[in-house]
Amino acid sequence: MPSIPAPRVAILGAGNIGTAIAKGLVRSGRFKPVQITLTRRKIHLLDPFIREGYTATQDNAGAAEGADLVILAVEPRQIRLLLSEISPKLKSDRHILISVVSGVGLQEINGLIGDKCPVVRAMPNIAAAIGESVTCIASGKDRPATEARERVRSLFEAVGKAMVIDEEQMIAATVLGACGIAFFLRAIRAASQGGIEVGFHSQDALMIAAQTARGAASLLLQSENHPESEIDRVTTPRGCTISGLNQMEHEGFSSAMIKGILTSRDKAEKLYQVGD
């Protein structure tokens, strides 16, 4: 029986998230650099990837034509022009179009390309580069769309965890999963600054804070317990942990995180309108 050729991937708009996906796919061992084509207007920024064996070009249409899975990773304001470039090259019996563009819905994309090929939305984060992304995926409900969605879920399982959601939840996924990386990094930075205050050198404080955050996340993922259940195992009566937690809550720690998520949600809802 002849082997099935591995799919070719084109990532159109290979900025931070696009290159993170590319790195993660190769890191997983399921793809080789030669299978991935990256596009970017400032193509010199892709020189390190060219040296590693990736194909890089400014020709979006050509990259899409030569691929099976086409990932749109441009800014929302660039989506119309990009789709007008590649639409003539898309074929229903070959291509799957995957959009990681914030705020641009399936209806808008299908309205711009017609029924050229199945379209799936995905929202990964930059931890895809190290195989630790969470990617939320949504599609239409017809058979071609759901079949394409399963291929896309398999693709993103190579760079972390992937889950299917309703499209109405994509803004929430953007904020909690994609923006959330920055929120948790800021929390780690704050913890490391506190570590400096109590006596550690900056690099030691950062390592301890980052590894502690990693341990906390791993506890939740492996035990599937609620955070408060694990917190209860650390706090003791009149102890230093509960004193610190209570002071953080008095200063609005949880409230600030929740308000930040809601503010990002409000901004994300307007991104495509701003760039339309």
C-alpha atoms as a PDB file:
ATOM      1  CA  MET A   1       0.000   0.000   0.000  1.00  0.00           C
ATOM      2  CA  PRO A   2       1.502   3.391  -0.957  1.00  0.00           C
ATOM      3  CA  SER A   3       2.180   5.768   1.930  1.00  0.00           C
ATOM      4  CA  ILE A   4       0.027   8.866   2.270  1.00  0.00           C
ATOM      5  CA  PRO A   5       2.161  11.970   1.714  1.00  0.00           C
ATOM      6  CA  ALA A   6       2.438  14.247   4.734  1.00  0.00           C
ATOM      7  CA  PRO A   7       0.405  17.445   4.385  1.00  0.00           C
ATOM      8  CA  ARG A   8       2.100  20.654   3.442  1.00  0.00           C
ATOM      9  CA  VAL A   9       1.380  23.683   5.586  1.00  0.00           C
ATOM     10  CA  ALA A  10       1.437  27.347   4.579  1.00  0.00           C
ATOM     11  CA  ILE A  11       1.425  29.955   7.339  1.00  0.00           C
ATOM     12  CA  LEU A  12       0.465  33.285   5.828  1.00  0.00           C
ATOM     13  CA  GLY A  13       1.611  36.160   7.997  1.00  0.00           C
ATOM     14  CA  ALA A  14       4.368  34.434   9.945  1.00  0.00           C
ATOM     15  CA  GLY A  15       4.747  36.836  12.840  1.00  0.00           C
ATOM     16  CA  ASN A  16       4.908  35.791  16.479  1.00  0.00           C
ATOM     17  CA  ILE A  17       1.981  33.368  16.533  1.00  0.00           C
ATOM     18  CA  GLY A  18       2.631  32.041  13.030  1.00  0.00           C
ATOM     19  CA  THR A  19       6.265  31.227  13.727  1.00  0.00           C
ATOM     20  CA  ALA A  20       5.330  29.749  17.127  1.00  0.00           C
ATOM     21  CA  ILE A  21       3.015  27.313  15.344  1.00  0.00           C
ATOM     22  CA  ALA A  22       5.745  26.462  12.831  1.00  0.00           C
ATOM     23  CA  LYS A  23       8.310  25.804  15.551  1.00  0.00           C
ATOM     24  CA  GLY A  24       5.882  23.653  17.509  1.00  0.00           C
ATOM     25  CA  LEU A  25       4.914  21.537  14.503  1.00  0.00           C
ATOM     26  CA  VAL A  26       8.566  20.775  13.775  1.00  0.00           C
ATOM     27  CA  ARG A  27       9.382  20.252  17.451  1.00  0.00           C
ATOM     28  CA  SER A  28       6.611  17.636  17.639  1.00  0.00           C
ATOM     29  CA  GLY A  29       8.414  15.481  15.089  1.00  0.00           C
ATOM     30  CA  ARG A  30       5.301  15.238  12.917  1.00  0.00           C
ATOM     31  CA  PHE A  31       6.551  17.818  10.439  1.00  0.00           C
ATOM     32  CA  LYS A  32       9.854  18.726   8.879  1.00  0.00           C
ATOM     33  CA  PRO A  33      10.751  22.340   8.057  1.00  0.00           C
ATOM     34  CA  VAL A  34      10.613  21.550   4.346  1.00  0.00           C
ATOM     35  CA  GLN A  35       6.870  20.849   4.682  1.00  0.00           C
ATOM     36  CA  ILE A  36       6.155  24.347   5.982  1.00  0.00           C
ATOM     37  CA  THR A  37       6.046  27.554   3.951  1.00  0.00           C
ATOM     38  CA  LEU A  38       6.092  30.893   5.760  1.00  0.00           C
ATOM     39  CA  THR A  39       5.085  34.227   4.267  1.00  0.00           C
ATOM     40  CA  ARG A  40       5.818  37.713   5.483  1.00  0.00           C
ATOM     41  CA  ARG A  41       6.183  41.125   3.875  1.00  0.00           C
ATOM     42  CA  LYS A  42       9.439  41.778   5.744  1.00  0.00           C
ATOM     43  CA  ILE A  43      10.886  38.520   4.549  1.00  0.00           C
ATOM     44  CA  HIS A  44      14.354  39.181   5.976  1.00  0.00           C
ATOM     45  CA  LEU A  45      12.853  38.524   9.405  1.00  0.00           C
ATOM     46  CA  LEU A  46      12.410  34.906   8.325  1.00  0.00           C
ATOM     47  CA  ASP A  47      16.109  34.386   7.541  1.00  0.00           C
ATOM     48  CA  PRO A  48      16.654  32.199  10.654  1.00  0.00           C
ATOM     49  CA  PHE A  49      13.846  29.913   9.471  1.00  0.00           C
ATOM     50  CA  ILE A  50      15.248  29.705   5.960  1.00  0.00           C
ATOM     51  CA  ARG A  51      18.544  28.538   7.441  1.00  0.00           C
ATOM     52  CA  GLU A  52      16.665  25.787   9.275  1.00  0.00           C
ATOM     53  CA  GLY A  53      15.058  24.498   6.075  1.00  0.00           C
ATOM     54  CA  TYR A  54      11.701  26.238   5.979  1.00  0.00           C
ATOM     55  CA  THR A  55      10.516  27.841   2.752  1.00  0.00           C
ATOM     56  CA  ALA A  56       9.907  31.589   3.030  1.00  0.00           C
ATOM     57  CA  THR A  57       8.272  33.826   0.459  1.00  0.00           C
ATOM     58  CA  GLN A  58       6.271  37.024   0.016  1.00  0.00           C
ATOM     59  CA  ASP A  59       3.933  35.255  -2.417  1.00  0.00           C
ATOM     60  CA  ASN A  60       0.800  34.405  -0.421  1.00  0.00           C
ATOM     61  CA  ALA A  61      -1.062  33.003  -3.400  1.00  0.00           C
ATOM     62  CA  GLY A  62       1.793  30.716  -4.393  1.00  0.00           C
ATOM     63  CA  ALA A  63       2.262  29.514  -0.824  1.00  0.00           C
ATOM     64  CA  ALA A  64      -1.442  28.703  -0.513  1.00  0.00           C
ATOM     65  CA  GLU A  65      -1.525  26.928  -3.865  1.00  0.00           C
ATOM     66  CA  GLY A  66       1.324  24.634  -2.860  1.00  0.00           C
ATOM     67  CA  ALA A  67      -0.129  23.715   0.541  1.00  0.00           C
ATOM     68  CA  ASP A  68      -2.880  21.488   1.889  1.00  0.00           C
ATOM     69  CA  LEU A  69      -3.440  23.316   5.179  1.00  0.00           C
ATOM     70  CA  VAL A  70      -3.417  27.108   4.883  1.00  0.00           C
ATOM     71  CA  ILE A  71      -3.130  29.023   8.158  1.00  0.00           C
ATOM     72  CA  LEU A  72      -4.117  32.690   8.149  1.00  0.00           C
ATOM     73  CA  ALA A  73      -2.103  34.489  10.815  1.00  0.00           C
ATOM     74  CA  VAL A  74      -2.303  38.136   9.767  1.00  0.00           C
ATOM     75  CA  GLU A  75      -3.778  41.095  11.629  1.00  0.00           C
ATOM     76  CA  PRO A  76      -7.569  41.527  11.334  1.00  0.00           C
ATOM     77  CA  ARG A  77      -7.211  44.618   9.132  1.00  0.00           C
ATOM     78  CA  GLN A  78      -5.234  42.593   6.575  1.00  0.00           C
ATOM     79  CA  ILE A  79      -7.667  39.711   6.170  1.00  0.00           C
ATOM     80  CA  ARG A  80      -9.689  41.063   3.242  1.00  0.00           C
ATOM     81  CA  LEU A  81      -6.650  41.740   1.075  1.00  0.00           C
ATOM     82  CA  LEU A  82      -5.083  38.396   1.936  1.00  0.00           C
ATOM     83  CA  LEU A  83      -8.214  36.440   1.079  1.00  0.00           C
ATOM     84  CA  SER A  84      -8.570  38.278  -2.233  1.00  0.00           C
ATOM     85  CA  GLU A  85      -4.988  37.212  -3.055  1.00  0.00           C
ATOM     86  CA  ILE A  86      -5.363  33.526  -2.264  1.00  0.00           C
ATOM     87  CA  SER A  87      -9.012  32.827  -3.069  1.00  0.00           C
ATOM     88  CA  PRO A  88      -8.418  31.992  -6.771  1.00  0.00           C
ATOM     89  CA  LYS A  89      -5.908  29.294  -5.717  1.00  0.00           C
ATOM     90  CA  LEU A  90      -8.103  27.481  -3.205  1.00  0.00           C
ATOM     91  CA  LYS A  91      -9.607  24.108  -4.167  1.00  0.00           C
ATOM     92  CA  SER A  92     -12.390  22.351  -2.296  1.00  0.00           C
ATOM     93  CA  ASP A  93     -10.898  18.892  -2.809  1.00  0.00           C
ATOM     94  CA  ARG A  94      -7.515  19.835  -1.391  1.00  0.00           C
ATOM     95  CA  HIS A  95      -7.375  22.862   0.879  1.00  0.00           C
ATOM     96  CA  ILE A  96      -8.454  23.543   4.430  1.00  0.00           C
ATOM     97  CA  LEU A  97      -8.342  27.186   5.434  1.00  0.00           C
ATOM     98  CA  ILE A  98      -7.476  27.736   9.108  1.00  0.00           C
ATOM     99  CA  SER A  99      -7.872  31.222  10.565  1.00  0.00           C
ATOM    100  CA  VAL A 100      -6.119  32.237  13.771  1.00  0.00           C
ATOM    101  CA  VAL A 101      -7.120  35.854  13.135  1.00  0.00           C
ATOM    102  CA  SER A 102      -8.782  37.427  16.169  1.00  0.00           C
ATOM    103  CA  GLY A 103     -12.358  38.603  15.808  1.00  0.00           C
ATOM    104  CA  VAL A 104     -12.992  37.502  12.214  1.00  0.00           C
ATOM    105  CA  GLY A 105     -15.851  35.008  12.057  1.00  0.00           C
ATOM    106  CA  LEU A 106     -16.548  32.071   9.790  1.00  0.00           C
ATOM    107  CA  GLN A 107     -19.389  33.977   8.164  1.00  0.00           C
ATOM    108  CA  GLU A 108     -17.090  36.843   7.201  1.00  0.00           C
ATOM    109  CA  ILE A 109     -14.423  34.528   5.791  1.00  0.00           C
ATOM    110  CA  ASN A 110     -16.907  32.408   3.850  1.00  0.00           C
ATOM    111  CA  GLY A 111     -18.479  35.586   2.544  1.00  0.00           C
ATOM    112  CA  LEU A 112     -15.124  36.635   1.105  1.00  0.00           C
ATOM    113  CA  ILE A 113     -14.093  33.307  -0.466  1.00  0.00           C
ATOM    114  CA  GLY A 114     -17.441  31.652  -1.154  1.00  0.00           C
ATOM    115  CA  ASP A 115     -17.447  27.865  -0.955  1.00  0.00           C
ATOM    116  CA  LYS A 116     -13.879  27.459  -2.214  1.00  0.00           C
ATOM    117  CA  CYS A 117     -12.872  25.151   0.660  1.00  0.00           C
ATOM    118  CA  PRO A 118     -13.715  24.296   4.281  1.00  0.00           C
ATOM    119  CA  VAL A 119     -12.880  27.008   6.828  1.00  0.00           C
ATOM    120  CA  VAL A 120     -11.972  26.373  10.468  1.00  0.00           C
ATOM    121  CA  ARG A 121     -11.151  28.907  13.164  1.00  0.00           C
ATOM    122  CA  ALA A 122      -8.430  28.152  15.707  1.00  0.00           C
ATOM    123  CA  MET A 123      -7.043  30.135  18.606  1.00  0.00           C
ATOM    124  CA  PRO A 124      -3.666  28.874  19.875  1.00  0.00           C
ATOM    125  CA  ASN A 125      -1.113  30.816  21.904  1.00  0.00           C
ATOM    126  CA  ILE A 126       2.626  31.395  21.622  1.00  0.00           C
ATOM    127  CA  ALA A 127       3.398  28.408  23.867  1.00  0.00           C
ATOM    128  CA  ALA A 128       2.741  26.391  20.699  1.00  0.00           C
ATOM    129  CA  ALA A 129       6.463  26.878  20.033  1.00  0.00           C
ATOM    130  CA  ILE A 130       7.286  24.494  22.901  1.00  0.00           C
ATOM    131  CA  GLY A 131       4.290  22.170  22.544  1.00  0.00           C
ATOM    132  CA  GLU A 132       2.362  23.713  25.445  1.00  0.00           C
ATOM    133  CA  SER A 133      -0.388  25.715  23.729  1.00  0.00           C
ATOM    134  CA  VAL A 134      -4.074  25.365  24.364  1.00  0.00           C
ATOM    135  CA  THR A 135      -5.933  25.720  21.074  1.00  0.00           C
ATOM    136  CA  CYS A 136      -9.670  26.259  20.814  1.00  0.00           C
ATOM    137  CA  ILE A 137     -11.209  25.229  17.485  1.00  0.00           C
ATOM    138  CA  ALA A 138     -14.556  26.024  15.868  1.00  0.00           C
ATOM    139  CA  SER A 139     -16.170  25.274  12.513  1.00  0.00           C
ATOM    140  CA  GLY A 140     -19.477  25.077  10.748  1.00  0.00           C
ATOM    141  CA  LYS A 141     -21.697  22.074  11.347  1.00  0.00           C
ATOM    142  CA  ASP A 142     -21.915  20.553   7.864  1.00  0.00           C
ATOM    143  CA  ARG A 143     -19.980  17.384   7.122  1.00  0.00           C
ATOM    144  CA  PRO A 144     -17.073  18.931   5.152  1.00  0.00           C
ATOM    145  CA  ALA A 145     -16.573  21.507   7.928  1.00  0.00           C
ATOM    146  CA  THR A 146     -16.632  18.979  10.771  1.00  0.00           C
ATOM    147  CA  GLU A 147     -14.279  16.630   8.911  1.00  0.00           C
ATOM    148  CA  ALA A 148     -11.914  19.527   8.327  1.00  0.00           C
ATOM    149  CA  ARG A 149     -12.224  20.510  11.994  1.00  0.00           C
ATOM    150  CA  GLU A 150     -11.012  17.079  13.084  1.00  0.00           C
ATOM    151  CA  ARG A 151      -7.948  17.380  10.850  1.00  0.00           C
ATOM    152  CA  VAL A 152      -7.271  20.796  12.330  1.00  0.00           C
ATOM    153  CA  ARG A 153      -7.666  19.468  15.869  1.00  0.00           C
ATOM    154  CA  SER A 154      -5.130  16.752  15.070  1.00  0.00           C
ATOM    155  CA  LEU A 155      -2.758  19.404  13.713  1.00  0.00           C
ATOM    156  CA  PHE A 156      -2.921  21.521  16.847  1.00  0.00           C
ATOM    157  CA  GLU A 157      -2.635  18.527  19.161  1.00  0.00           C
ATOM    158  CA  ALA A 158       0.946  18.444  17.887  1.00  0.00           C
ATOM    159  CA  VAL A 159       1.590  21.762  19.658  1.00  0.00           C
ATOM    160  CA  GLY A 160      -0.302  21.225  22.913  1.00  0.00           C
ATOM    161  CA  LYS A 161      -3.879  20.578  23.977  1.00  0.00           C
ATOM    162  CA  ALA A 162      -6.747  21.216  21.555  1.00  0.00           C
ATOM    163  CA  MET A 163     -10.471  21.431  22.197  1.00  0.00           C
ATOM    164  CA  VAL A 164     -13.565  22.068  20.093  1.00  0.00           C
ATOM    165  CA  ILE A 165     -15.821  24.929  21.132  1.00  0.00           C
ATOM    166  CA  ASP A 166     -18.797  26.806  19.696  1.00  0.00           C
ATOM    167  CA  GLU A 167     -17.786  29.727  17.531  1.00  0.00           C
ATOM    168  CA  GLU A 168     -19.633  32.081  19.885  1.00  0.00           C
ATOM    169  CA  GLN A 169     -16.928  31.285  22.447  1.00  0.00           C
ATOM    170  CA  MET A 170     -13.977  32.255  20.243  1.00  0.00           C
ATOM    171  CA  ILE A 171     -13.643  35.755  21.690  1.00  0.00           C
ATOM    172  CA  ALA A 172     -13.563  34.248  25.183  1.00  0.00           C
ATOM    173  CA  ALA A 173     -10.976  31.706  23.998  1.00  0.00           C
ATOM    174  CA  THR A 174      -8.856  34.499  22.567  1.00  0.00           C
ATOM    175  CA  VAL A 175      -8.832  36.368  25.853  1.00  0.00           C
ATOM    176  CA  LEU A 176      -8.368  33.465  28.267  1.00  0.00           C
ATOM    177  CA  GLY A 177      -6.069  31.290  26.178  1.00  0.00           C
ATOM    178  CA  ALA A 178      -4.115  33.644  23.914  1.00  0.00           C
ATOM    179  CA  CYS A 179      -4.029  36.907  25.884  1.00  0.00           C
ATOM    180  CA  GLY A 180      -3.877  34.816  29.052  1.00  0.00           C
ATOM    181  CA  ILE A 181      -0.235  33.925  28.391  1.00  0.00           C
ATOM    182  CA  ALA A 182       0.661  37.565  28.993  1.00  0.00           C
ATOM    183  CA  PHE A 183      -1.512  37.747  32.108  1.00  0.00           C
ATOM    184  CA  PHE A 184       0.196  34.770  33.728  1.00  0.00           C
ATOM    185  CA  LEU A 185       3.644  35.968  32.656  1.00  0.00           C
ATOM    186  CA  ARG A 186       2.918  39.286  34.373  1.00  0.00           C
ATOM    187  CA  ALA A 187       1.901  37.402  37.529  1.00  0.00           C
ATOM    188  CA  ILE A 188       5.181  35.452  37.411  1.00  0.00           C
ATOM    189  CA  ARG A 189       7.112  38.677  36.928  1.00  0.00           C
ATOM    190  CA  ALA A 190       5.392  40.186  39.962  1.00  0.00           C
ATOM    191  CA  ALA A 191       6.211  37.101  42.034  1.00  0.00           C
ATOM    192  CA  SER A 192       9.863  37.285  40.984  1.00  0.00           C
ATOM    193  CA  GLN A 193       9.994  40.968  41.942  1.00  0.00           C
ATOM    194  CA  GLY A 194       8.642  40.016  45.344  1.00  0.00           C
ATOM    195  CA  GLY A 195      11.350  37.374  45.521  1.00  0.00           C
ATOM    196  CA  ILE A 196      13.982  40.063  44.991  1.00  0.00           C
ATOM    197  CA  GLU A 197      12.412  42.099  47.808  1.00  0.00           C
ATOM    198  CA  VAL A 198      12.783  39.175  50.205  1.00  0.00           C
ATOM    199  CA  GLY A 199      16.395  38.471  49.325  1.00  0.00           C
ATOM    200  CA  PHE A 200      16.968  36.553  46.081  1.00  0.00           C
ATOM    201  CA  HIS A 201      19.027  37.708  43.126  1.00  0.00           C
ATOM    202  CA  SER A 202      16.838  38.460  40.111  1.00  0.00           C
ATOM    203  CA  GLN A 203      17.657  35.338  38.089  1.00  0.00           C
ATOM    204  CA  ASP A 204      17.153  33.051  41.084  1.00  0.00           C
ATOM    205  CA  ALA A 205      13.876  34.761  41.942  1.00  0.00           C
ATOM    206  CA  LEU A 206      12.611  34.372  38.376  1.00  0.00           C
ATOM    207  CA  MET A 207      13.556  30.688  38.218  1.00  0.00           C
ATOM    208  CA  ILE A 208      11.819  29.934  41.519  1.00  0.00           C
ATOM    209  CA  ALA A 209       8.709  31.909  40.538  1.00  0.00           C
ATOM    210  CA  ALA A 210       8.474  30.323  37.084  1.00  0.00           C
ATOM    211  CA  GLN A 211       9.023  26.774  38.317  1.00  0.00           C
ATOM    212  CA  THR A 212       6.512  27.307  41.130  1.00  0.00           C
ATOM    213  CA  ALA A 213       3.938  28.531  38.597  1.00  0.00           C
ATOM    214  CA  ARG A 214       4.664  25.492  36.446  1.00  0.00           C
ATOM    215  CA  GLY A 215       4.184  23.223  39.432  1.00  0.00           C
ATOM    216  CA  ALA A 216       0.890  24.885  40.342  1.00  0.00           C
ATOM    217  CA  ALA A 217      -0.456  24.465  36.807  1.00  0.00           C
ATOM    218  CA  SER A 218       0.725  20.857  36.640  1.00  0.00           C
ATOM    219  CA  LEU A 219      -1.000  20.077  39.941  1.00  0.00           C
ATOM    220  CA  LEU A 220      -4.318  21.268  38.554  1.00  0.00           C
ATOM    221  CA  LEU A 221      -3.970  19.532  35.202  1.00  0.00           C
ATOM    222  CA  GLN A 222      -2.966  16.196  36.721  1.00  0.00           C
ATOM    223  CA  SER A 223      -5.248  16.144  39.752  1.00  0.00           C
ATOM    224  CA  GLU A 224      -8.210  17.890  38.070  1.00  0.00           C
ATOM    225  CA  ASN A 225      -8.908  19.484  41.441  1.00  0.00           C
ATOM    226  CA  HIS A 226     -10.279  22.982  41.930  1.00  0.00           C
ATOM    227  CA  PRO A 227      -7.507  25.516  42.735  1.00  0.00           C
ATOM    228  CA  GLU A 228      -8.939  26.125  46.206  1.00  0.00           C
ATOM    229  CA  SER A 229      -8.557  22.436  47.006  1.00  0.00           C
ATOM    230  CA  GLU A 230      -4.821  22.646  46.362  1.00  0.00           C
ATOM    231  CA  ILE A 231      -4.571  26.011  48.127  1.00  0.00           C
ATOM    232  CA  ASP A 232      -6.117  24.436  51.239  1.00  0.00           C
ATOM    233  CA  ARG A 233      -3.232  21.952  51.319  1.00  0.00           C
ATOM    234  CA  VAL A 234      -0.731  24.813  51.576  1.00  0.00           C
ATOM    235  CA  THR A 235      -2.484  27.128  54.047  1.00  0.00           C
ATOM    236  CA  THR A 236      -2.333  26.497  57.786  1.00  0.00           C
ATOM    237  CA  PRO A 237      -3.985  28.385  60.647  1.00  0.00           C
ATOM    238  CA  ARG A 238      -2.178  31.662  61.429  1.00  0.00           C
ATOM    239  CA  GLY A 239       0.386  30.706  58.769  1.00  0.00           C
ATOM    240  CA  CYS A 240       2.351  32.890  56.364  1.00  0.00           C
ATOM    241  CA  THR A 241       0.578  31.583  53.228  1.00  0.00           C
ATOM    242  CA  ILE A 242      -2.916  32.630  54.292  1.00  0.00           C
ATOM    243  CA  SER A 243      -1.588  36.000  55.456  1.00  0.00           C
ATOM    244  CA  GLY A 244      -0.086  36.628  52.037  1.00  0.00           C
ATOM    245  CA  LEU A 245      -3.183  35.437  50.188  1.00  0.00           C
ATOM    246  CA  ASN A 246      -5.476  37.633  52.261  1.00  0.00           C
ATOM    247  CA  GLN A 247      -3.286  40.680  51.675  1.00  0.00           C
ATOM    248  CA  MET A 248      -3.305  40.034  47.905  1.00  0.00           C
ATOM    249  CA  GLU A 249      -7.094  39.829  47.930  1.00  0.00           C
ATOM    250  CA  HIS A 250      -7.326  43.043  49.982  1.00  0.00           C
ATOM    251  CA  GLU A 251      -5.225  44.685  47.242  1.00  0.00           C
ATOM    252  CA  GLY A 252      -7.539  43.359  44.520  1.00  0.00           C
ATOM    253  CA  PHE A 253      -5.481  40.537  43.004  1.00  0.00           C
ATOM    254  CA  SER A 254      -8.376  38.376  41.780  1.00  0.00           C
ATOM    255  CA  SER A 255     -10.502  41.390  40.909  1.00  0.00           C
ATOM    256  CA  ALA A 256      -7.711  42.891  38.796  1.00  0.00           C
ATOM    257  CA  MET A 257      -7.254  39.642  36.858  1.00  0.00           C
ATOM    258  CA  ILE A 258     -10.987  39.329  36.181  1.00  0.00           C
ATOM    259  CA  LYS A 259     -11.283  42.979  35.133  1.00  0.00           C
ATOM    260  CA  GLY A 260      -8.291  42.593  32.823  1.00  0.00           C
ATOM    261  CA  ILE A 261      -9.908  39.593  31.117  1.00  0.00           C
ATOM    262  CA  LEU A 262     -13.178  41.491  30.675  1.00  0.00           C
ATOM    263  CA  THR A 263     -11.374  44.545  29.280  1.00  0.00           C
ATOM    264  CA  SER A 264      -9.493  42.395  26.775  1.00  0.00           C
ATOM    265  CA  ARG A 265     -12.807  40.770  25.798  1.00  0.00           C
ATOM    266  CA  ASP A 266     -14.337  44.187  25.077  1.00  0.00           C
ATOM    267  CA  LYS A 267     -11.343  45.134  22.927  1.00  0.00           C
ATOM    268  CA  ALA A 268     -11.298  41.805  21.062  1.00  0.00           C
ATOM    269  CA  GLU A 269     -14.945  42.204  20.085  1.00  0.00           C
ATOM    270  CA  LYS A 270     -14.025  45.385  18.182  1.00  0.00           C
ATOM    271  CA  LEU A 271     -10.827  44.297  16.445  1.00  0.00           C
ATOM    272  CA  TYR A 272     -12.331  43.358  13.089  1.00  0.00           C
ATOM    273  CA  GLN A 273     -14.601  46.403  12.984  1.00  0.00           C
ATOM    274  CA  VAL A 274     -11.581  48.624  13.629  1.00  0.00           C
ATOM    275  CA  GLY A 275      -9.629  46.991  10.814  1.00  0.00           C
ATOM    276  CA  ASP A 276     -12.540  46.542   8.397  1.00  0.00           C
END
